[in-house]
Structure formats: structure tokens, C-alpha cells
């Protein structure tokens, strides 16, 4: 079934809360560890921007993969 507008809003709010919590954990990392995860942070942020702007295209942008 398709999600209702209220469910979309709830999902977006949950995602925002998780993102804020993850950022808080990131800030607690030692600088060496922050450097290690910085590329992941940038990739996810760019992905989110494309989604928000409605310009994400998996055929062109690919899928996020982290090894």
C-alpha cells in the first residue's frame, strides 16, 4: 500500500531525529575517527540534497555503496 501524507511526515520526522542523533555521535568521535567517516557524511549529504531537490537519478548517480 502507498503511504499516507501523515505517514510520510512521520517518516521524515523520524529520519531527521536519527540524523541529528548520528551527528551528535559523530561529534563525540576523536578527530582521527571523524576523518575516517567524513567521506561517508559528505556522500550521504549529497544524496539527501538530490532527493530533496527531486534530481536524484539512480541510473546516473548510482547507488550509495560503502566498502
C-alpha atoms as a PDB file:
ATOM      1  CA  UNK A   1       0.000   0.000   0.000  1.00  0.00           C
ATOM      2  CA  UNK A   2       1.053   3.555  -0.517  1.00  0.00           C
ATOM      3  CA  UNK A   3       1.938   5.686   2.494  1.00  0.00           C
ATOM      4  CA  UNK A   4      -0.415   8.447   3.554  1.00  0.00           C
ATOM      5  CA  UNK A   5       0.763  12.067   3.841  1.00  0.00           C
ATOM      6  CA  UNK A   6       0.762  11.702   7.648  1.00  0.00           C
ATOM      7  CA  UNK A   7       2.945   8.590   7.384  1.00  0.00           C
ATOM      8  CA  UNK A   8       5.368  10.404   5.070  1.00  0.00           C
ATOM      9  CA  UNK A   9       5.577  13.215   7.595  1.00  0.00           C
ATOM     10  CA  UNK A  10       6.154  10.812  10.474  1.00  0.00           C
ATOM     11  CA  UNK A  11       8.858   9.011   8.497  1.00  0.00           C
ATOM     12  CA  UNK A  12      10.572  12.315   7.629  1.00  0.00           C
ATOM     13  CA  UNK A  13      10.490  13.402  11.269  1.00  0.00           C
ATOM     14  CA  UNK A  14      11.982  10.102  12.415  1.00  0.00           C
ATOM     15  CA  UNK A  15      14.703  10.372   9.779  1.00  0.00           C
ATOM     16  CA  UNK A  16      15.507  13.916  10.929  1.00  0.00           C
ATOM     17  CA  UNK A  17      15.788  12.774  14.560  1.00  0.00           C
ATOM     18  CA  UNK A  18      18.076   9.890  13.637  1.00  0.00           C
ATOM     19  CA  UNK A  19      20.234  12.210  11.526  1.00  0.00           C
ATOM     20  CA  UNK A  20      20.578  14.651  14.447  1.00  0.00           C
ATOM     21  CA  UNK A  21      21.495  11.818  16.827  1.00  0.00           C
ATOM     22  CA  UNK A  22      24.067  10.415  14.397  1.00  0.00           C
ATOM     23  CA  UNK A  23      25.598  13.851  14.001  1.00  0.00           C
ATOM     24  CA  UNK A  24      25.867  14.084  17.794  1.00  0.00           C
ATOM     25  CA  UNK A  25      27.676  10.754  17.907  1.00  0.00           C
ATOM     26  CA  UNK A  26      29.962  11.862  15.076  1.00  0.00           C
ATOM     27  CA  UNK A  27      30.920  14.951  17.083  1.00  0.00           C
ATOM     28  CA  UNK A  28      31.944  12.721  20.004  1.00  0.00           C
ATOM     29  CA  UNK A  29      34.468  10.808  17.899  1.00  0.00           C
ATOM     30  CA  UNK A  30      38.151  11.512  18.145  1.00  0.00           C
ATOM     31  CA  UNK A  31      39.437  13.642  15.261  1.00  0.00           C
ATOM     32  CA  UNK A  32      41.150  10.646  13.621  1.00  0.00           C
ATOM     33  CA  UNK A  33      37.851   8.734  13.618  1.00  0.00           C
ATOM     34  CA  UNK A  34      35.930  11.759  12.321  1.00  0.00           C
ATOM     35  CA  UNK A  35      38.343  11.973   9.406  1.00  0.00           C
ATOM     36  CA  UNK A  36      37.706   8.285   8.690  1.00  0.00           C
ATOM     37  CA  UNK A  37      33.923   8.801   8.403  1.00  0.00           C
ATOM     38  CA  UNK A  38      33.921  12.247   6.790  1.00  0.00           C
ATOM     39  CA  UNK A  39      33.607  10.880   3.222  1.00  0.00           C
ATOM     40  CA  UNK A  40      30.532   8.907   4.248  1.00  0.00           C
ATOM     41  CA  UNK A  41      28.992  12.052   5.750  1.00  0.00           C
ATOM     42  CA  UNK A  42      29.604  14.022   2.548  1.00  0.00           C
ATOM     43  CA  UNK A  43      28.212  11.255   0.304  1.00  0.00           C
ATOM     44  CA  UNK A  44      25.037  10.903   2.371  1.00  0.00           C
ATOM     45  CA  UNK A  45      24.545  14.673   2.490  1.00  0.00           C
ATOM     46  CA  UNK A  46      24.871  14.956  -1.306  1.00  0.00           C
ATOM     47  CA  UNK A  47      22.438  12.068  -1.740  1.00  0.00           C
ATOM     48  CA  UNK A  48      19.923  13.755   0.589  1.00  0.00           C
ATOM     49  CA  UNK A  49      20.234  17.051  -1.286  1.00  0.00           C
ATOM     50  CA  UNK A  50      19.492  15.355  -4.607  1.00  0.00           C
ATOM     51  CA  UNK A  51      16.492  13.547  -3.125  1.00  0.00           C
ATOM     52  CA  UNK A  52      15.164  16.794  -1.617  1.00  0.00           C
ATOM     53  CA  UNK A  53      15.636  18.680  -4.884  1.00  0.00           C
ATOM     54  CA  UNK A  54      13.997  15.880  -6.866  1.00  0.00           C
ATOM     55  CA  UNK A  55      17.039  15.431  -9.090  1.00  0.00           C
ATOM     56  CA  UNK A  56      18.290  12.032  -7.867  1.00  0.00           C
ATOM     57  CA  UNK A  57      18.549   9.550 -10.722  1.00  0.00           C
ATOM     58  CA  UNK A  58      19.883   6.090  -9.761  1.00  0.00           C
ATOM     59  CA  UNK A  59      20.824   5.405 -13.385  1.00  0.00           C
ATOM     60  CA  UNK A  60      23.127   8.445 -13.420  1.00  0.00           C
ATOM     61  CA  UNK A  61      24.028   8.853  -9.761  1.00  0.00           C
ATOM     62  CA  UNK A  62      24.340   5.174  -8.924  1.00  0.00           C
ATOM     63  CA  UNK A  63      23.541   3.738  -5.554  1.00  0.00           C
ATOM     64  CA  UNK A  64      25.427   4.596  -2.394  1.00  0.00           C
ATOM     65  CA  UNK A  65      27.943   1.835  -1.707  1.00  0.00           C
ATOM     66  CA  UNK A  66      30.421   1.849   1.131  1.00  0.00           C
ATOM     67  CA  UNK A  67      33.076  -0.807   1.351  1.00  0.00           C
END
